[in-house]
Amino acid sequence: MMDVAFSAALGLSLSMDAFAVSCAMGLCGISRGEALKVALSFGLFQAIMPLVGWLGARWMGAILEPVDHWVAFLALLAVGGKMVIEGLGKVRGAQDEAPDRSVCGGGKLLSLSIGTSIDALAVGVGFIGMRINVPFTASVIGVVTFIVCLLGALCAGRILRTRGGYMEVLGGLVISAIGIKILLEHLLG
């Protein structure tokens, strides 16, 4: 029973970055199918990364730790920056078109999934010294992340569904801020 509570709490805390990105994507007006795709991708990566970290720690030790925050920062900043630029172009052009939903495309979604799951990779490295069922814990983390991200993408889109570039700019700023937060946490903390 303790493993379930621990795993769920860990999954909830690790899913917060992915939740924020899912909400930002929901603000851009993604469809239900795209929201499902986003939640599946984030959940899958949040489940896989602790396993990779745990296995990698056994094999490579501390080689990954010095650069994990840079990988997350650069991936999130690139995607967020592109969204801001595209959104500002729409605002300046006074276009009344739907926000760019291509953020759910393979490359962008992959970058976001990796960027928001770097912390899970680091947590997986920490599993080395713990007496837990790592595959079970990673599975619970993935399921919790899936649920949280699906709710975030669907609810944000329904509550604040707006056309135009402003929501795309907001979403890009949120994604970029998460990347900066990850970088600062590792550099300052």
N, C-alpha and C. Protein backbone atom coordinates (compact mmCIF):
# COMPACT_ATOMS: atom_id res chain seq x y z
N MET A 1 0.82 -1.20 0.00
CA MET A 1 0.00 0.00 0.00
C MET A 1 0.87 1.26 0.00
N MET A 2 1.98 1.21 0.70
CA MET A 2 2.88 2.36 0.76
C MET A 2 3.45 2.67 -0.62
N ASP A 3 3.74 1.63 -1.40
CA ASP A 3 4.27 1.84 -2.75
C ASP A 3 3.27 2.59 -3.62
N VAL A 4 1.98 2.30 -3.47
CA VAL A 4 0.95 2.96 -4.27
C VAL A 4 0.88 4.44 -3.90
N ALA A 5 0.82 4.74 -2.61
CA ALA A 5 0.74 6.14 -2.17
C ALA A 5 1.99 6.91 -2.57
N PHE A 6 3.15 6.31 -2.34
CA PHE A 6 4.41 6.95 -2.71
C PHE A 6 4.47 7.20 -4.22
N SER A 7 4.12 6.20 -5.01
CA SER A 7 4.17 6.31 -6.46
C SER A 7 3.20 7.35 -6.98
N ALA A 8 1.98 7.39 -6.42
CA ALA A 8 0.99 8.37 -6.85
C ALA A 8 1.44 9.79 -6.51
N ALA A 9 1.97 9.97 -5.30
CA ALA A 9 2.45 11.30 -4.90
C ALA A 9 3.63 11.73 -5.78
N LEU A 10 4.51 10.81 -6.05
CA LEU A 10 5.65 11.11 -6.92
C LEU A 10 5.16 11.43 -8.33
N GLY A 11 4.21 10.65 -8.82
CA GLY A 11 3.66 10.91 -10.15
C GLY A 11 2.99 12.27 -10.24
N LEU A 12 2.26 12.65 -9.21
CA LEU A 12 1.60 13.94 -9.20
C LEU A 12 2.63 15.08 -9.22
N SER A 13 3.65 14.96 -8.41
CA SER A 13 4.66 16.02 -8.38
C SER A 13 5.45 16.09 -9.68
N LEU A 14 5.78 14.96 -10.26
CA LEU A 14 6.52 14.96 -11.52
C LEU A 14 5.68 15.42 -12.70
N SER A 15 4.37 15.30 -12.60
CA SER A 15 3.50 15.64 -13.72
C SER A 15 3.19 17.13 -13.82
N MET A 16 3.62 17.94 -12.87
CA MET A 16 3.22 19.34 -12.86
C MET A 16 3.73 20.13 -14.07
N ASP A 17 4.94 19.89 -14.51
CA ASP A 17 5.44 20.58 -15.70
C ASP A 17 4.64 20.16 -16.93
N ALA A 18 4.41 18.87 -17.06
CA ALA A 18 3.64 18.37 -18.19
C ALA A 18 2.21 18.88 -18.12
N PHE A 19 1.65 19.00 -16.93
CA PHE A 19 0.30 19.54 -16.74
C PHE A 19 0.24 20.99 -17.24
N ALA A 20 1.23 21.79 -16.86
CA ALA A 20 1.25 23.20 -17.28
C ALA A 20 1.34 23.31 -18.80
N VAL A 21 2.17 22.48 -19.41
CA VAL A 21 2.30 22.49 -20.86
C VAL A 21 0.99 22.03 -21.50
N SER A 22 0.35 21.02 -20.93
CA SER A 22 -0.94 20.55 -21.45
C SER A 22 -2.00 21.64 -21.39
N CYS A 23 -2.02 22.38 -20.30
CA CYS A 23 -2.96 23.50 -20.18
C CYS A 23 -2.67 24.55 -21.25
N ALA A 24 -1.39 24.85 -21.43
CA ALA A 24 -1.02 25.84 -22.46
C ALA A 24 -1.45 25.36 -23.84
N MET A 25 -1.30 24.08 -24.09
CA MET A 25 -1.72 23.53 -25.38
C MET A 25 -3.25 23.58 -25.50
N GLY A 26 -3.94 23.33 -24.41
CA GLY A 26 -5.40 23.42 -24.41
C GLY A 26 -5.86 24.84 -24.71
N LEU A 27 -5.11 25.82 -24.23
CA LEU A 27 -5.43 27.21 -24.52
C LEU A 27 -5.30 27.52 -26.01
N CYS A 28 -4.47 26.78 -26.69
CA CYS A 28 -4.29 26.97 -28.14
C CYS A 28 -5.40 26.33 -28.94
N GLY A 29 -6.32 25.65 -28.27
CA GLY A 29 -7.49 25.13 -28.96
C GLY A 29 -7.31 23.75 -29.59
N ILE A 30 -6.56 22.87 -28.95
CA ILE A 30 -6.39 21.54 -29.51
C ILE A 30 -7.68 20.73 -29.36
N SER A 31 -7.86 19.77 -30.24
CA SER A 31 -9.06 18.93 -30.22
C SER A 31 -8.96 17.88 -29.12
N ARG A 32 -10.05 17.17 -28.90
CA ARG A 32 -10.05 16.08 -27.91
C ARG A 32 -9.05 14.99 -28.29
N GLY A 33 -9.00 14.67 -29.57
CA GLY A 33 -8.05 13.66 -30.04
C GLY A 33 -6.61 14.10 -29.82
N GLU A 34 -6.34 15.38 -30.09
CA GLU A 34 -4.99 15.91 -29.87
C GLU A 34 -4.67 15.94 -28.38
N ALA A 35 -5.65 16.26 -27.54
CA ALA A 35 -5.46 16.26 -26.09
C ALA A 35 -5.11 14.84 -25.61
N LEU A 36 -5.78 13.85 -26.16
CA LEU A 36 -5.49 12.46 -25.83
C LEU A 36 -4.07 12.09 -26.26
N LYS A 37 -3.69 12.51 -27.45
CA LYS A 37 -2.35 12.25 -27.96
C LYS A 37 -1.29 12.90 -27.07
N VAL A 38 -1.52 14.13 -26.65
CA VAL A 38 -0.60 14.85 -25.76
C VAL A 38 -0.48 14.11 -24.44
N ALA A 39 -1.62 13.75 -23.84
CA ALA A 39 -1.61 13.06 -22.55
C ALA A 39 -0.90 11.71 -22.64
N LEU A 40 -1.15 10.98 -23.72
CA LEU A 40 -0.48 9.69 -23.91
C LEU A 40 1.03 9.86 -24.03
N SER A 41 1.45 10.85 -24.80
CA SER A 41 2.88 11.08 -24.99
C SER A 41 3.55 11.48 -23.68
N PHE A 42 2.95 12.44 -22.97
CA PHE A 42 3.53 12.87 -21.70
C PHE A 42 3.54 11.72 -20.68
N GLY A 43 2.44 10.98 -20.60
CA GLY A 43 2.37 9.86 -19.67
C GLY A 43 3.40 8.79 -19.99
N LEU A 44 3.54 8.48 -21.28
CA LEU A 44 4.51 7.47 -21.69
C LEU A 44 5.94 7.88 -21.33
N PHE A 45 6.29 9.13 -21.64
CA PHE A 45 7.64 9.57 -21.33
C PHE A 45 7.89 9.68 -19.83
N GLN A 46 6.86 10.08 -19.08
CA GLN A 46 7.03 10.15 -17.61
C GLN A 46 7.18 8.75 -17.02
N ALA A 47 6.66 7.73 -17.68
CA ALA A 47 6.82 6.35 -17.21
C ALA A 47 8.17 5.77 -17.64
N ILE A 48 8.60 6.11 -18.84
CA ILE A 48 9.85 5.55 -19.37
C ILE A 48 11.08 6.18 -18.74
N MET A 49 11.05 7.49 -18.55
CA MET A 49 12.26 8.18 -18.09
C MET A 49 12.79 7.72 -16.73
N PRO A 50 11.93 7.44 -15.74
CA PRO A 50 12.50 6.92 -14.48
C PRO A 50 13.20 5.57 -14.68
N LEU A 51 12.65 4.75 -15.57
CA LEU A 51 13.29 3.47 -15.87
C LEU A 51 14.65 3.69 -16.54
N VAL A 52 14.68 4.62 -17.48
CA VAL A 52 15.94 4.94 -18.17
C VAL A 52 16.95 5.49 -17.16
N GLY A 53 16.50 6.38 -16.28
CA GLY A 53 17.39 6.94 -15.26
C GLY A 53 17.93 5.88 -14.32
N TRP A 54 17.05 4.99 -13.90
CA TRP A 54 17.43 3.92 -12.98
C TRP A 54 18.45 2.99 -13.63
N LEU A 55 18.15 2.58 -14.86
CA LEU A 55 19.08 1.71 -15.58
C LEU A 55 20.37 2.44 -15.93
N GLY A 56 20.23 3.70 -16.34
CA GLY A 56 21.41 4.49 -16.69
C GLY A 56 22.32 4.73 -15.50
N ALA A 57 21.74 4.91 -14.33
CA ALA A 57 22.54 5.14 -13.13
C ALA A 57 23.39 3.92 -12.81
N ARG A 58 22.85 2.78 -13.11
CA ARG A 58 23.62 1.55 -12.90
C ARG A 58 24.78 1.47 -13.89
N TRP A 59 24.56 2.04 -15.07
CA TRP A 59 25.54 1.88 -16.15
C TRP A 59 26.47 3.08 -16.28
N MET A 60 25.93 4.30 -16.24
CA MET A 60 26.75 5.48 -16.52
C MET A 60 27.00 6.38 -15.33
N GLY A 61 26.34 6.16 -14.23
CA GLY A 61 26.58 6.99 -13.07
C GLY A 61 26.13 8.43 -13.25
N ALA A 62 26.99 9.34 -12.91
CA ALA A 62 26.64 10.76 -12.86
C ALA A 62 26.92 11.52 -14.16
N ILE A 63 27.11 10.84 -15.26
CA ILE A 63 27.41 11.52 -16.52
C ILE A 63 26.24 12.38 -16.98
N LEU A 64 25.01 11.90 -16.84
CA LEU A 64 23.84 12.63 -17.32
C LEU A 64 23.44 13.80 -16.42
N GLU A 65 23.69 13.70 -15.15
CA GLU A 65 23.21 14.71 -14.21
C GLU A 65 23.67 16.13 -14.53
N PRO A 66 24.89 16.37 -14.95
CA PRO A 66 25.31 17.75 -15.23
C PRO A 66 24.61 18.41 -16.42
N VAL A 67 23.99 17.64 -17.31
CA VAL A 67 23.40 18.25 -18.51
C VAL A 67 21.90 18.10 -18.61
N ASP A 68 21.24 17.42 -17.70
CA ASP A 68 19.81 17.18 -17.85
C ASP A 68 19.00 18.47 -17.90
N HIS A 69 19.36 19.44 -17.10
CA HIS A 69 18.63 20.69 -17.07
C HIS A 69 18.81 21.50 -18.37
N TRP A 70 19.96 21.39 -18.99
CA TRP A 70 20.20 22.09 -20.26
C TRP A 70 19.36 21.48 -21.38
N VAL A 71 19.24 20.17 -21.38
CA VAL A 71 18.42 19.50 -22.39
C VAL A 71 16.97 19.95 -22.27
N ALA A 72 16.44 19.92 -21.04
CA ALA A 72 15.05 20.34 -20.82
C ALA A 72 14.86 21.81 -21.18
N PHE A 73 15.77 22.66 -20.74
CA PHE A 73 15.69 24.10 -21.02
C PHE A 73 15.66 24.38 -22.51
N LEU A 74 16.60 23.82 -23.25
CA LEU A 74 16.70 24.09 -24.69
C LEU A 74 15.49 23.56 -25.46
N ALA A 75 15.02 22.37 -25.10
CA ALA A 75 13.87 21.79 -25.80
C ALA A 75 12.62 22.64 -25.57
N LEU A 76 12.37 23.01 -24.32
CA LEU A 76 11.17 23.79 -24.01
C LEU A 76 11.27 25.22 -24.55
N LEU A 77 12.44 25.82 -24.47
CA LEU A 77 12.61 27.17 -24.98
C LEU A 77 12.42 27.22 -26.49
N ALA A 78 12.92 26.23 -27.19
CA ALA A 78 12.78 26.21 -28.65
C ALA A 78 11.31 26.11 -29.06
N VAL A 79 10.58 25.20 -28.44
CA VAL A 79 9.17 25.03 -28.80
C VAL A 79 8.36 26.25 -28.34
N GLY A 80 8.59 26.70 -27.10
CA GLY A 80 7.86 27.86 -26.59
C GLY A 80 8.16 29.12 -27.39
N GLY A 81 9.42 29.33 -27.73
CA GLY A 81 9.80 30.50 -28.51
C GLY A 81 9.15 30.51 -29.88
N LYS A 82 9.09 29.35 -30.50
CA LYS A 82 8.45 29.25 -31.82
C LYS A 82 6.96 29.58 -31.71
N MET A 83 6.31 29.11 -30.66
CA MET A 83 4.89 29.42 -30.46
C MET A 83 4.68 30.92 -30.26
N VAL A 84 5.56 31.57 -29.48
CA VAL A 84 5.45 33.00 -29.24
C VAL A 84 5.61 33.77 -30.56
N ILE A 85 6.61 33.42 -31.32
CA ILE A 85 6.87 34.10 -32.60
C ILE A 85 5.68 33.94 -33.55
N GLU A 86 5.17 32.72 -33.66
CA GLU A 86 4.03 32.48 -34.54
C GLU A 86 2.78 33.22 -34.04
N GLY A 87 2.58 33.23 -32.73
CA GLY A 87 1.43 33.93 -32.16
C GLY A 87 1.52 35.43 -32.37
N LEU A 88 2.71 36.00 -32.17
CA LEU A 88 2.89 37.44 -32.40
C LEU A 88 2.65 37.80 -33.85
N GLY A 89 3.07 36.92 -34.75
CA GLY A 89 2.80 37.16 -36.18
C GLY A 89 1.32 37.23 -36.46
N LYS A 90 0.55 36.39 -35.80
CA LYS A 90 -0.90 36.39 -35.99
C LYS A 90 -1.53 37.64 -35.38
N VAL A 91 -1.02 38.05 -34.22
CA VAL A 91 -1.55 39.26 -33.57
C VAL A 91 -1.25 40.48 -34.44
N ARG A 92 -0.03 40.60 -34.93
CA ARG A 92 0.35 41.74 -35.78
C ARG A 92 -0.43 41.75 -37.07
N GLY A 93 -0.68 40.58 -37.62
CA GLY A 93 -1.41 40.49 -38.88
C GLY A 93 -2.90 40.57 -38.69
N ALA A 94 -3.34 40.67 -37.44
CA ALA A 94 -4.77 40.74 -37.09
C ALA A 94 -5.56 39.63 -37.78
N GLN A 95 -4.95 38.47 -37.86
CA GLN A 95 -5.64 37.33 -38.47
C GLN A 95 -6.59 36.73 -37.45
N ASP A 96 -7.76 36.39 -37.87
CA ASP A 96 -8.73 35.76 -36.99
C ASP A 96 -8.83 34.28 -37.36
N GLU A 97 -7.69 33.61 -37.18
CA GLU A 97 -7.68 32.19 -37.50
C GLU A 97 -7.37 31.41 -36.24
N ALA A 98 -7.65 30.16 -36.28
CA ALA A 98 -7.42 29.31 -35.12
C ALA A 98 -5.93 29.22 -34.83
N PRO A 99 -5.54 29.07 -33.55
CA PRO A 99 -4.15 28.93 -33.20
C PRO A 99 -3.53 27.72 -33.88
N ASP A 100 -2.22 27.73 -33.97
CA ASP A 100 -1.48 26.64 -34.61
C ASP A 100 -1.59 25.39 -33.77
N ARG A 101 -2.28 24.41 -34.30
CA ARG A 101 -2.44 23.16 -33.57
C ARG A 101 -1.34 22.17 -33.91
N SER A 102 -0.39 22.58 -34.73
CA SER A 102 0.68 21.68 -35.13
C SER A 102 1.63 21.38 -33.97
N VAL A 103 1.39 22.00 -32.82
CA VAL A 103 2.22 21.71 -31.66
C VAL A 103 2.10 20.24 -31.28
N CYS A 104 1.03 19.59 -31.72
CA CYS A 104 0.85 18.16 -31.46
C CYS A 104 1.57 17.30 -32.48
N GLY A 105 2.23 17.92 -33.43
CA GLY A 105 2.98 17.17 -34.44
C GLY A 105 4.12 16.41 -33.80
N GLY A 106 4.59 15.41 -34.49
CA GLY A 106 5.60 14.50 -33.95
C GLY A 106 6.81 15.16 -33.33
N GLY A 107 7.47 16.07 -34.05
CA GLY A 107 8.70 16.67 -33.54
C GLY A 107 8.49 17.56 -32.34
N LYS A 108 7.46 18.40 -32.39
CA LYS A 108 7.21 19.30 -31.26
C LYS A 108 6.74 18.51 -30.04
N LEU A 109 5.84 17.59 -30.23
CA LEU A 109 5.33 16.82 -29.11
C LEU A 109 6.44 15.97 -28.50
N LEU A 110 7.30 15.41 -29.32
CA LEU A 110 8.43 14.64 -28.82
C LEU A 110 9.35 15.52 -27.98
N SER A 111 9.66 16.72 -28.47
CA SER A 111 10.52 17.64 -27.72
C SER A 111 9.89 18.02 -26.39
N LEU A 112 8.60 18.31 -26.40
CA LEU A 112 7.91 18.66 -25.16
C LEU A 112 7.86 17.48 -24.20
N SER A 113 7.63 16.30 -24.72
CA SER A 113 7.56 15.10 -23.87
C SER A 113 8.90 14.83 -23.20
N ILE A 114 9.96 14.97 -23.96
CA ILE A 114 11.30 14.78 -23.40
C ILE A 114 11.62 15.89 -22.40
N GLY A 115 11.35 17.13 -22.80
CA GLY A 115 11.68 18.27 -21.96
C GLY A 115 10.98 18.25 -20.61
N THR A 116 9.72 17.83 -20.60
CA THR A 116 8.97 17.81 -19.34
C THR A 116 9.23 16.55 -18.51
N SER A 117 9.94 15.59 -19.06
CA SER A 117 10.18 14.35 -18.30
C SER A 117 11.63 14.20 -17.86
N ILE A 118 12.44 15.22 -18.06
CA ILE A 118 13.84 15.15 -17.62
C ILE A 118 13.94 14.97 -16.11
N ASP A 119 13.05 15.64 -15.36
CA ASP A 119 13.05 15.46 -13.91
C ASP A 119 12.78 14.00 -13.54
N ALA A 120 11.91 13.35 -14.29
CA ALA A 120 11.62 11.93 -14.03
C ALA A 120 12.86 11.08 -14.27
N LEU A 121 13.66 11.45 -15.23
CA LEU A 121 14.93 10.77 -15.48
C LEU A 121 15.83 10.89 -14.25
N ALA A 122 15.92 12.10 -13.73
CA ALA A 122 16.75 12.33 -12.54
C ALA A 122 16.21 11.57 -11.33
N VAL A 123 14.90 11.52 -11.19
CA VAL A 123 14.29 10.76 -10.09
C VAL A 123 14.63 9.28 -10.24
N GLY A 124 14.60 8.80 -11.46
CA GLY A 124 14.96 7.40 -11.70
C GLY A 124 16.37 7.08 -11.26
N VAL A 125 17.28 8.02 -11.44
CA VAL A 125 18.66 7.83 -10.96
C VAL A 125 18.64 7.66 -9.45
N GLY A 126 17.79 8.42 -8.77
CA GLY A 126 17.68 8.32 -7.31
C GLY A 126 17.06 7.03 -6.82
N PHE A 127 16.42 6.28 -7.69
CA PHE A 127 15.82 5.01 -7.31
C PHE A 127 16.86 3.97 -6.90
N ILE A 128 18.10 4.18 -7.31
CA ILE A 128 19.17 3.21 -7.02
C ILE A 128 19.25 2.91 -5.53
N GLY A 129 19.14 3.94 -4.70
CA GLY A 129 19.29 3.72 -3.26
C GLY A 129 17.99 3.41 -2.54
N MET A 130 16.91 3.23 -3.26
CA MET A 130 15.61 3.02 -2.62
C MET A 130 15.15 1.57 -2.78
N ARG A 131 14.36 1.14 -1.83
CA ARG A 131 13.78 -0.21 -1.89
C ARG A 131 12.35 -0.11 -2.36
N ILE A 132 12.20 0.03 -3.66
CA ILE A 132 10.87 0.14 -4.27
C ILE A 132 10.83 -0.75 -5.50
N ASN A 133 9.63 -1.03 -5.93
CA ASN A 133 9.42 -1.76 -7.17
C ASN A 133 9.44 -0.71 -8.29
N VAL A 134 10.59 -0.55 -8.93
CA VAL A 134 10.80 0.52 -9.91
C VAL A 134 9.83 0.43 -11.10
N PRO A 135 9.62 -0.72 -11.72
CA PRO A 135 8.67 -0.77 -12.84
C PRO A 135 7.24 -0.38 -12.42
N PHE A 136 6.81 -0.81 -11.24
CA PHE A 136 5.48 -0.45 -10.74
C PHE A 136 5.39 1.05 -10.52
N THR A 137 6.38 1.62 -9.85
CA THR A 137 6.41 3.05 -9.57
C THR A 137 6.39 3.86 -10.86
N ALA A 138 7.19 3.46 -11.84
CA ALA A 138 7.23 4.16 -13.12
C ALA A 138 5.88 4.08 -13.83
N SER A 139 5.20 2.93 -13.73
CA SER A 139 3.88 2.78 -14.34
C SER A 139 2.86 3.72 -13.71
N VAL A 140 2.88 3.81 -12.39
CA VAL A 140 1.94 4.70 -11.69
C VAL A 140 2.23 6.15 -12.07
N ILE A 141 3.49 6.53 -12.14
CA ILE A 141 3.87 7.88 -12.55
C ILE A 141 3.30 8.19 -13.93
N GLY A 142 3.40 7.25 -14.85
CA GLY A 142 2.87 7.44 -16.20
C GLY A 142 1.36 7.59 -16.22
N VAL A 143 0.66 6.77 -15.46
CA VAL A 143 -0.81 6.84 -15.43
C VAL A 143 -1.28 8.15 -14.82
N VAL A 144 -0.66 8.55 -13.71
CA VAL A 144 -1.03 9.82 -13.07
C VAL A 144 -0.78 10.98 -14.02
N THR A 145 0.35 10.97 -14.69
CA THR A 145 0.66 12.04 -15.64
C THR A 145 -0.34 12.08 -16.78
N PHE A 146 -0.71 10.92 -17.30
CA PHE A 146 -1.71 10.85 -18.37
C PHE A 146 -3.01 11.52 -17.93
N ILE A 147 -3.51 11.15 -16.77
CA ILE A 147 -4.79 11.67 -16.28
C ILE A 147 -4.71 13.19 -16.08
N VAL A 148 -3.66 13.63 -15.41
CA VAL A 148 -3.49 15.06 -15.12
C VAL A 148 -3.39 15.87 -16.41
N CYS A 149 -2.61 15.38 -17.36
CA CYS A 149 -2.41 16.11 -18.62
C CYS A 149 -3.67 16.12 -19.48
N LEU A 150 -4.41 15.04 -19.50
CA LEU A 150 -5.65 15.00 -20.26
C LEU A 150 -6.64 16.02 -19.69
N LEU A 151 -6.77 16.03 -18.38
CA LEU A 151 -7.67 17.00 -17.74
C LEU A 151 -7.21 18.42 -18.00
N GLY A 152 -5.91 18.67 -17.93
CA GLY A 152 -5.38 20.01 -18.16
C GLY A 152 -5.65 20.49 -19.57
N ALA A 153 -5.38 19.64 -20.55
CA ALA A 153 -5.57 20.03 -21.95
C ALA A 153 -7.05 20.25 -22.27
N LEU A 154 -7.91 19.40 -21.76
CA LEU A 154 -9.34 19.53 -22.05
C LEU A 154 -9.98 20.69 -21.31
N CYS A 155 -9.66 20.85 -20.05
CA CYS A 155 -10.29 21.91 -19.24
C CYS A 155 -9.81 23.29 -19.64
N ALA A 156 -8.52 23.45 -19.86
CA ALA A 156 -8.00 24.77 -20.25
C ALA A 156 -8.60 25.20 -21.57
N GLY A 157 -8.73 24.27 -22.48
CA GLY A 157 -9.30 24.59 -23.78
C GLY A 157 -10.77 24.98 -23.70
N ARG A 158 -11.50 24.38 -22.82
CA ARG A 158 -12.94 24.70 -22.68
C ARG A 158 -13.14 26.00 -21.93
N ILE A 159 -12.35 26.23 -20.91
CA ILE A 159 -12.53 27.42 -20.08
C ILE A 159 -12.12 28.68 -20.83
N LEU A 160 -11.02 28.63 -21.54
CA LEU A 160 -10.47 29.83 -22.17
C LEU A 160 -10.31 29.71 -23.68
N ARG A 161 -11.22 29.02 -24.32
CA ARG A 161 -11.12 28.85 -25.77
C ARG A 161 -11.25 30.22 -26.44
N THR A 162 -10.17 30.63 -27.07
CA THR A 162 -10.11 31.92 -27.73
C THR A 162 -9.39 31.75 -29.04
N ARG A 163 -9.85 32.48 -30.05
CA ARG A 163 -9.18 32.42 -31.35
C ARG A 163 -8.16 33.53 -31.43
N GLY A 164 -7.16 33.33 -32.28
CA GLY A 164 -6.15 34.36 -32.49
C GLY A 164 -4.82 33.99 -31.88
N GLY A 165 -3.88 34.88 -32.05
CA GLY A 165 -2.51 34.62 -31.64
C GLY A 165 -2.23 34.84 -30.16
N TYR A 166 -3.11 35.53 -29.44
CA TYR A 166 -2.82 35.83 -28.04
C TYR A 166 -2.66 34.57 -27.19
N MET A 167 -3.53 33.59 -27.40
CA MET A 167 -3.43 32.37 -26.61
C MET A 167 -2.18 31.56 -26.99
N GLU A 168 -1.81 31.65 -28.25
CA GLU A 168 -0.60 30.96 -28.69
C GLU A 168 0.63 31.59 -28.05
N VAL A 169 0.63 32.92 -27.96
CA VAL A 169 1.72 33.63 -27.28
C VAL A 169 1.77 33.22 -25.81
N LEU A 170 0.60 33.20 -25.17
CA LEU A 170 0.53 32.81 -23.76
C LEU A 170 1.05 31.38 -23.57
N GLY A 171 0.60 30.48 -24.42
CA GLY A 171 1.06 29.10 -24.33
C GLY A 171 2.57 28.99 -24.52
N GLY A 172 3.11 29.71 -25.48
CA GLY A 172 4.56 29.71 -25.71
C GLY A 172 5.32 30.27 -24.54
N LEU A 173 4.79 31.33 -23.93
CA LEU A 173 5.45 31.91 -22.75
C LEU A 173 5.45 30.94 -21.58
N VAL A 174 4.34 30.23 -21.39
CA VAL A 174 4.26 29.24 -20.31
C VAL A 174 5.28 28.12 -20.54
N ILE A 175 5.33 27.62 -21.75
CA ILE A 175 6.27 26.55 -22.05
C ILE A 175 7.71 27.02 -21.86
N SER A 176 8.02 28.23 -22.33
CA SER A 176 9.37 28.79 -22.17
C SER A 176 9.69 28.99 -20.69
N ALA A 177 8.71 29.47 -19.92
CA ALA A 177 8.92 29.69 -18.48
C ALA A 177 9.23 28.38 -17.76
N ILE A 178 8.60 27.31 -18.16
CA ILE A 178 8.89 26.01 -17.55
C ILE A 178 10.33 25.62 -17.83
N GLY A 179 10.79 25.82 -19.06
CA GLY A 179 12.18 25.53 -19.40
C GLY A 179 13.14 26.36 -18.57
N ILE A 180 12.84 27.64 -18.40
CA ILE A 180 13.69 28.53 -17.59
C ILE A 180 13.67 28.09 -16.14
N LYS A 181 12.50 27.71 -15.64
CA LYS A 181 12.37 27.24 -14.25
C LYS A 181 13.24 26.01 -14.00
N ILE A 182 13.19 25.07 -14.94
CA ILE A 182 14.01 23.86 -14.80
C ILE A 182 15.49 24.21 -14.76
N LEU A 183 15.92 25.10 -15.66
CA LEU A 183 17.32 25.51 -15.70
C LEU A 183 17.72 26.20 -14.40
N LEU A 184 16.92 27.15 -13.94
CA LEU A 184 17.26 27.89 -12.72
C LEU A 184 17.27 27.00 -11.48
N GLU A 185 16.33 26.06 -11.41
CA GLU A 185 16.32 25.14 -10.28
C GLU A 185 17.62 24.36 -10.18
N HIS A 186 18.16 23.96 -11.32
CA HIS A 186 19.39 23.18 -11.31
C HIS A 186 20.62 24.05 -11.11
N LEU A 187 20.59 25.27 -11.63
CA LEU A 187 21.76 26.15 -11.48
C LEU A 187 21.83 26.79 -10.11
N LEU A 188 20.66 27.13 -9.53
CA LEU A 188 20.63 27.82 -8.26
C LEU A 188 20.39 26.90 -7.06
N GLY A 189 19.83 25.74 -7.33
CA GLY A 189 19.45 24.88 -6.22
C GLY A 189 20.35 23.76 -6.10
